[in-house]
Amino acid sequence: MQTNKATELPPVAPAYNGIDRNAFLLGWKPQAELWNGRLAMIGFAAYLLWDLAGFSVVRDVLNLVH
């Protein structure tokens, strides 16, 4: 296996269960958890930008409660 000389780490992360880590696979597989985390991060960032633009679902719901 080839390593990066500066860090002594492999240049690419090893595969899970013999399959590429970035493969989009359905079912209960380690790759699904990686994609789930990535999509959740995109969702949180999108909501943060939406909130900073002045549209807030949470703020609107809290205003309805009062």
PDB file of N, CA and C in Angstrom:
ATOM      1  N   MET A   1       0.848  -1.173   0.000  1.00  0.00           N
ATOM      2  CA  MET A   1       0.000   0.000   0.000  1.00  0.00           C
ATOM      3  C   MET A   1       0.892   1.233   0.000  1.00  0.00           C
ATOM      4  N   GLN A   2       0.559   2.183  -0.840  1.00  0.00           N
ATOM      5  CA  GLN A   2       1.314   3.420  -0.939  1.00  0.00           C
ATOM      6  C   GLN A   2       0.878   4.379   0.168  1.00  0.00           C
ATOM      7  N   THR A   3       1.815   5.083   0.802  1.00  0.00           N
ATOM      8  CA  THR A   3       1.471   6.017   1.876  1.00  0.00           C
ATOM      9  C   THR A   3       1.922   7.418   1.516  1.00  0.00           C
ATOM     10  N   ASN A   4       1.305   8.388   2.168  1.00  0.00           N
ATOM     11  CA  ASN A   4       1.703   9.781   2.038  1.00  0.00           C
ATOM     12  C   ASN A   4       2.954   9.969   2.884  1.00  0.00           C
ATOM     13  N   LYS A   5       4.008  10.486   2.298  1.00  0.00           N
ATOM     14  CA  LYS A   5       5.286  10.593   3.007  1.00  0.00           C
ATOM     15  C   LYS A   5       5.240  11.593   4.160  1.00  0.00           C
ATOM     16  N   ALA A   6       4.393  12.607   4.070  1.00  0.00           N
ATOM     17  CA  ALA A   6       4.325  13.623   5.121  1.00  0.00           C
ATOM     18  C   ALA A   6       3.596  13.106   6.360  1.00  0.00           C
ATOM     19  N   THR A   7       2.588  12.260   6.185  1.00  0.00           N
ATOM     20  CA  THR A   7       1.779  11.819   7.320  1.00  0.00           C
ATOM     21  C   THR A   7       1.859  10.329   7.598  1.00  0.00           C
ATOM     22  N   GLU A   8       2.454   9.575   6.709  1.00  0.00           N
ATOM     23  CA  GLU A   8       2.525   8.113   6.827  1.00  0.00           C
ATOM     24  C   GLU A   8       1.141   7.472   6.820  1.00  0.00           C
ATOM     25  N   LEU A   9       0.162   8.152   6.228  1.00  0.00           N
ATOM     26  CA  LEU A   9      -1.188   7.611   6.118  1.00  0.00           C
ATOM     27  C   LEU A   9      -1.450   7.208   4.671  1.00  0.00           C
ATOM     28  N   PRO A  10      -2.322   6.254   4.451  1.00  0.00           N
ATOM     29  CA  PRO A  10      -2.658   5.909   3.062  1.00  0.00           C
ATOM     30  C   PRO A  10      -3.357   7.084   2.386  1.00  0.00           C
ATOM     31  N   PRO A  11      -3.177   7.259   1.075  1.00  0.00           N
ATOM     32  CA  PRO A  11      -3.772   8.416   0.388  1.00  0.00           C
ATOM     33  C   PRO A  11      -5.292   8.349   0.296  1.00  0.00           C
ATOM     34  N   VAL A  12      -5.872   7.154   0.391  1.00  0.00           N
ATOM     35  CA  VAL A  12      -7.316   6.991   0.299  1.00  0.00           C
ATOM     36  C   VAL A  12      -7.757   6.100   1.455  1.00  0.00           C
ATOM     37  N   ALA A  13      -8.905   6.422   2.028  1.00  0.00           N
ATOM     38  CA  ALA A  13      -9.420   5.609   3.132  1.00  0.00           C
ATOM     39  C   ALA A  13      -9.711   4.195   2.639  1.00  0.00           C
ATOM     40  N   PRO A  14      -9.477   3.196   3.467  1.00  0.00           N
ATOM     41  CA  PRO A  14      -9.747   1.819   3.042  1.00  0.00           C
ATOM     42  C   PRO A  14     -11.240   1.572   2.866  1.00  0.00           C
ATOM     43  N   ALA A  15     -11.558   0.554   2.111  1.00  0.00           N
ATOM     44  CA  ALA A  15     -12.954   0.213   1.835  1.00  0.00           C
ATOM     45  C   ALA A  15     -13.579  -0.487   3.029  1.00  0.00           C
ATOM     46  N   TYR A  16     -14.885  -0.278   3.204  1.00  0.00           N
ATOM     47  CA  TYR A  16     -15.649  -1.048   4.177  1.00  0.00           C
ATOM     48  C   TYR A  16     -16.163  -2.288   3.473  1.00  0.00           C
ATOM     49  N   ASN A  17     -16.188  -3.376   4.136  1.00  0.00           N
ATOM     50  CA  ASN A  17     -16.702  -4.650   3.641  1.00  0.00           C
ATOM     51  C   ASN A  17     -16.349  -4.903   2.172  1.00  0.00           C
ATOM     52  N   GLY A  18     -15.130  -4.472   1.780  1.00  0.00           N
ATOM     53  CA  GLY A  18     -14.647  -4.714   0.430  1.00  0.00           C
ATOM     54  C   GLY A  18     -15.261  -3.837  -0.638  1.00  0.00           C
ATOM     55  N   ILE A  19     -16.046  -2.826  -0.238  1.00  0.00           N
ATOM     56  CA  ILE A  19     -16.723  -1.945  -1.193  1.00  0.00           C
ATOM     57  C   ILE A  19     -16.275  -0.506  -0.918  1.00  0.00           C
ATOM     58  N   ASP A  20     -16.208   0.285  -1.963  1.00  0.00           N
ATOM     59  CA  ASP A  20     -15.798   1.683  -1.845  1.00  0.00           C
ATOM     60  C   ASP A  20     -16.635   2.397  -0.782  1.00  0.00           C
ATOM     61  N   ARG A  21     -15.975   3.209   0.058  1.00  0.00           N
ATOM     62  CA  ARG A  21     -16.679   3.932   1.125  1.00  0.00           C
ATOM     63  C   ARG A  21     -17.705   4.912   0.592  1.00  0.00           C
ATOM     64  N   ASN A  22     -17.460   5.465  -0.603  1.00  0.00           N
ATOM     65  CA  ASN A  22     -18.351   6.482  -1.150  1.00  0.00           C
ATOM     66  C   ASN A  22     -19.438   5.913  -2.045  1.00  0.00           C
ATOM     67  N   ALA A  23     -19.508   4.604  -2.164  1.00  0.00           N
ATOM     68  CA  ALA A  23     -20.550   3.998  -2.992  1.00  0.00           C
ATOM     69  C   ALA A  23     -21.913   4.251  -2.357  1.00  0.00           C
ATOM     70  N   PHE A  24     -22.872   4.658  -3.181  1.00  0.00           N
ATOM     71  CA  PHE A  24     -24.226   4.909  -2.674  1.00  0.00           C
ATOM     72  C   PHE A  24     -24.985   3.595  -2.699  1.00  0.00           C
ATOM     73  N   LEU A  25     -25.089   2.948  -1.541  1.00  0.00           N
ATOM     74  CA  LEU A  25     -25.744   1.655  -1.419  1.00  0.00           C
ATOM     75  C   LEU A  25     -26.946   1.773  -0.492  1.00  0.00           C
ATOM     76  N   LEU A  26     -28.017   1.108  -0.834  1.00  0.00           N
ATOM     77  CA  LEU A  26     -29.200   1.108   0.023  1.00  0.00           C
ATOM     78  C   LEU A  26     -29.101  -0.028   1.025  1.00  0.00           C
ATOM     79  N   GLY A  27     -29.723   0.143   2.165  1.00  0.00           N
ATOM     80  CA  GLY A  27     -29.729  -0.897   3.181  1.00  0.00           C
ATOM     81  C   GLY A  27     -28.860  -0.522   4.367  1.00  0.00           C
ATOM     82  N   TRP A  28     -28.741  -1.445   5.316  1.00  0.00           N
ATOM     83  CA  TRP A  28     -27.972  -1.210   6.536  1.00  0.00           C
ATOM     84  C   TRP A  28     -26.512  -1.534   6.277  1.00  0.00           C
ATOM     85  N   LYS A  29     -25.809  -0.594   5.700  1.00  0.00           N
ATOM     86  CA  LYS A  29     -24.401  -0.775   5.366  1.00  0.00           C
ATOM     87  C   LYS A  29     -23.622   0.427   5.885  1.00  0.00           C
ATOM     88  N   PRO A  30     -22.329   0.267   6.155  1.00  0.00           N
ATOM     89  CA  PRO A  30     -21.544   1.413   6.631  1.00  0.00           C
ATOM     90  C   PRO A  30     -21.587   2.599   5.671  1.00  0.00           C
ATOM     91  N   GLN A  31     -21.670   2.341   4.377  1.00  0.00           N
ATOM     92  CA  GLN A  31     -21.726   3.436   3.411  1.00  0.00           C
ATOM     93  C   GLN A  31     -22.999   4.256   3.599  1.00  0.00           C
ATOM     94  N   ALA A  32     -24.091   3.604   3.971  1.00  0.00           N
ATOM     95  CA  ALA A  32     -25.348   4.321   4.183  1.00  0.00           C
ATOM     96  C   ALA A  32     -25.206   5.306   5.345  1.00  0.00           C
ATOM     97  N   GLU A  33     -24.489   4.921   6.371  1.00  0.00           N
ATOM     98  CA  GLU A  33     -24.285   5.832   7.508  1.00  0.00           C
ATOM     99  C   GLU A  33     -23.443   7.041   7.099  1.00  0.00           C
ATOM    100  N   LEU A  34     -22.452   6.833   6.252  1.00  0.00           N
ATOM    101  CA  LEU A  34     -21.661   7.962   5.760  1.00  0.00           C
ATOM    102  C   LEU A  34     -22.533   8.929   4.976  1.00  0.00           C
ATOM    103  N   TRP A  35     -23.365   8.394   4.064  1.00  0.00           N
ATOM    104  CA  TRP A  35     -24.244   9.254   3.286  1.00  0.00           C
ATOM    105  C   TRP A  35     -25.296   9.921   4.163  1.00  0.00           C
ATOM    106  N   ASN A  36     -25.803   9.225   5.165  1.00  0.00           N
ATOM    107  CA  ASN A  36     -26.770   9.805   6.079  1.00  0.00           C
ATOM    108  C   ASN A  36     -26.156  11.011   6.800  1.00  0.00           C
ATOM    109  N   GLY A  37     -24.941  10.867   7.267  1.00  0.00           N
ATOM    110  CA  GLY A  37     -24.260  11.973   7.941  1.00  0.00           C
ATOM    111  C   GLY A  37     -24.008  13.142   7.014  1.00  0.00           C
ATOM    112  N   ARG A  38     -23.596  12.849   5.790  1.00  0.00           N
ATOM    113  CA  ARG A  38     -23.333  13.928   4.819  1.00  0.00           C
ATOM    114  C   ARG A  38     -24.606  14.696   4.505  1.00  0.00           C
ATOM    115  N   LEU A  39     -25.687  13.976   4.268  1.00  0.00           N
ATOM    116  CA  LEU A  39     -26.946  14.646   3.944  1.00  0.00           C
ATOM    117  C   LEU A  39     -27.488  15.421   5.146  1.00  0.00           C
ATOM    118  N   ALA A  40     -27.280  14.908   6.350  1.00  0.00           N
ATOM    119  CA  ALA A  40     -27.705  15.640   7.551  1.00  0.00           C
ATOM    120  C   ALA A  40     -26.918  16.938   7.686  1.00  0.00           C
ATOM    121  N   MET A  41     -25.614  16.900   7.412  1.00  0.00           N
ATOM    122  CA  MET A  41     -24.813  18.131   7.488  1.00  0.00           C
ATOM    123  C   MET A  41     -25.286  19.159   6.467  1.00  0.00           C
ATOM    124  N   ILE A  42     -25.638  18.707   5.264  1.00  0.00           N
ATOM    125  CA  ILE A  42     -26.161  19.618   4.249  1.00  0.00           C
ATOM    126  C   ILE A  42     -27.482  20.214   4.718  1.00  0.00           C
ATOM    127  N   GLY A  43     -28.338  19.390   5.329  1.00  0.00           N
ATOM    128  CA  GLY A  43     -29.620  19.886   5.833  1.00  0.00           C
ATOM    129  C   GLY A  43     -29.461  20.916   6.941  1.00  0.00           C
ATOM    130  N   PHE A  44     -28.547  20.656   7.873  1.00  0.00           N
ATOM    131  CA  PHE A  44     -28.310  21.622   8.956  1.00  0.00           C
ATOM    132  C   PHE A  44     -27.760  22.935   8.411  1.00  0.00           C
ATOM    133  N   ALA A  45     -26.842  22.852   7.451  1.00  0.00           N
ATOM    134  CA  ALA A  45     -26.286  24.069   6.849  1.00  0.00           C
ATOM    135  C   ALA A  45     -27.365  24.835   6.089  1.00  0.00           C
ATOM    136  N   ALA A  46     -28.223  24.116   5.371  1.00  0.00           N
ATOM    137  CA  ALA A  46     -29.301  24.769   4.623  1.00  0.00           C
ATOM    138  C   ALA A  46     -30.261  25.471   5.586  1.00  0.00           C
ATOM    139  N   TYR A  47     -30.610  24.805   6.696  1.00  0.00           N
ATOM    140  CA  TYR A  47     -31.514  25.441   7.654  1.00  0.00           C
ATOM    141  C   TYR A  47     -30.855  26.666   8.300  1.00  0.00           C
ATOM    142  N   LEU A  48     -29.560  26.574   8.600  1.00  0.00           N
ATOM    143  CA  LEU A  48     -28.857  27.719   9.182  1.00  0.00           C
ATOM    144  C   LEU A  48     -28.897  28.906   8.227  1.00  0.00           C
ATOM    145  N   LEU A  49     -28.627  28.667   6.952  1.00  0.00           N
ATOM    146  CA  LEU A  49     -28.684  29.759   5.973  1.00  0.00           C
ATOM    147  C   LEU A  49     -30.100  30.306   5.835  1.00  0.00           C
ATOM    148  N   TRP A  50     -31.086  29.430   5.853  1.00  0.00           N
ATOM    149  CA  TRP A  50     -32.485  29.840   5.778  1.00  0.00           C
ATOM    150  C   TRP A  50     -32.840  30.712   6.987  1.00  0.00           C
ATOM    151  N   ASP A  51     -32.360  30.315   8.170  1.00  0.00           N
ATOM    152  CA  ASP A  51     -32.630  31.067   9.391  1.00  0.00           C
ATOM    153  C   ASP A  51     -31.927  32.425   9.357  1.00  0.00           C
ATOM    154  N   LEU A  52     -30.706  32.451   8.877  1.00  0.00           N
ATOM    155  CA  LEU A  52     -29.974  33.719   8.793  1.00  0.00           C
ATOM    156  C   LEU A  52     -30.605  34.667   7.777  1.00  0.00           C
ATOM    157  N   ALA A  53     -31.311  34.133   6.811  1.00  0.00           N
ATOM    158  CA  ALA A  53     -31.998  34.963   5.820  1.00  0.00           C
ATOM    159  C   ALA A  53     -33.292  35.558   6.377  1.00  0.00           C
ATOM    160  N   GLY A  54     -33.679  35.149   7.588  1.00  0.00           N
ATOM    161  CA  GLY A  54     -34.859  35.724   8.220  1.00  0.00           C
ATOM    162  C   GLY A  54     -36.074  34.823   8.254  1.00  0.00           C
ATOM    163  N   PHE A  55     -35.975  33.642   7.708  1.00  0.00           N
ATOM    164  CA  PHE A  55     -37.091  32.695   7.718  1.00  0.00           C
ATOM    165  C   PHE A  55     -36.771  31.611   8.731  1.00  0.00           C
ATOM    166  N   SER A  56     -37.536  31.525   9.801  1.00  0.00           N
ATOM    167  CA  SER A  56     -37.239  30.543  10.832  1.00  0.00           C
ATOM    168  C   SER A  56     -38.492  29.779  11.227  1.00  0.00           C
ATOM    169  N   VAL A  57     -38.486  28.500  10.957  1.00  0.00           N
ATOM    170  CA  VAL A  57     -39.617  27.652  11.343  1.00  0.00           C
ATOM    171  C   VAL A  57     -39.710  27.580  12.861  1.00  0.00           C
ATOM    172  N   VAL A  58     -38.587  27.416  13.533  1.00  0.00           N
ATOM    173  CA  VAL A  58     -38.583  27.298  14.995  1.00  0.00           C
ATOM    174  C   VAL A  58     -39.102  28.587  15.631  1.00  0.00           C
ATOM    175  N   ARG A  59     -38.639  29.731  15.169  1.00  0.00           N
ATOM    176  CA  ARG A  59     -39.074  31.013  15.717  1.00  0.00           C
ATOM    177  C   ARG A  59     -40.565  31.215  15.464  1.00  0.00           C
ATOM    178  N   ASP A  60     -41.043  30.845  14.290  1.00  0.00           N
ATOM    179  CA  ASP A  60     -42.460  30.998  13.980  1.00  0.00           C
ATOM    180  C   ASP A  60     -43.321  30.121  14.888  1.00  0.00           C
ATOM    181  N   VAL A  61     -42.888  28.887  15.135  1.00  0.00           N
ATOM    182  CA  VAL A  61     -43.629  27.980  16.005  1.00  0.00           C
ATOM    183  C   VAL A  61     -43.637  28.521  17.432  1.00  0.00           C
ATOM    184  N   LEU A  62     -42.523  29.038  17.913  1.00  0.00           N
ATOM    185  CA  LEU A  62     -42.470  29.575  19.279  1.00  0.00           C
ATOM    186  C   LEU A  62     -43.346  30.813  19.405  1.00  0.00           C
ATOM    187  N   ASN A  63     -43.469  31.621  18.365  1.00  0.00           N
ATOM    188  CA  ASN A  63     -44.331  32.789  18.416  1.00  0.00           C
ATOM    189  C   ASN A  63     -45.802  32.396  18.448  1.00  0.00           C
ATOM    190  N   LEU A  64     -46.145  31.264  17.836  1.00  0.00           N
ATOM    191  CA  LEU A  64     -47.533  30.810  17.866  1.00  0.00           C
ATOM    192  C   LEU A  64     -47.932  30.299  19.241  1.00  0.00           C
ATOM    193  N   VAL A  65     -46.961  29.824  20.022  1.00  0.00           N
ATOM    194  CA  VAL A  65     -47.249  29.260  21.347  1.00  0.00           C
ATOM    195  C   VAL A  65     -47.608  30.374  22.326  1.00  0.00           C
ATOM    196  N   HIS A  66     -46.995  31.521  22.201  1.00  0.00           N
ATOM    197  CA  HIS A  66     -47.231  32.611  23.154  1.00  0.00           C
ATOM    198  C   HIS A  66     -48.587  33.191  23.006  1.00  0.00           C
TER     199      HIS A  66
END
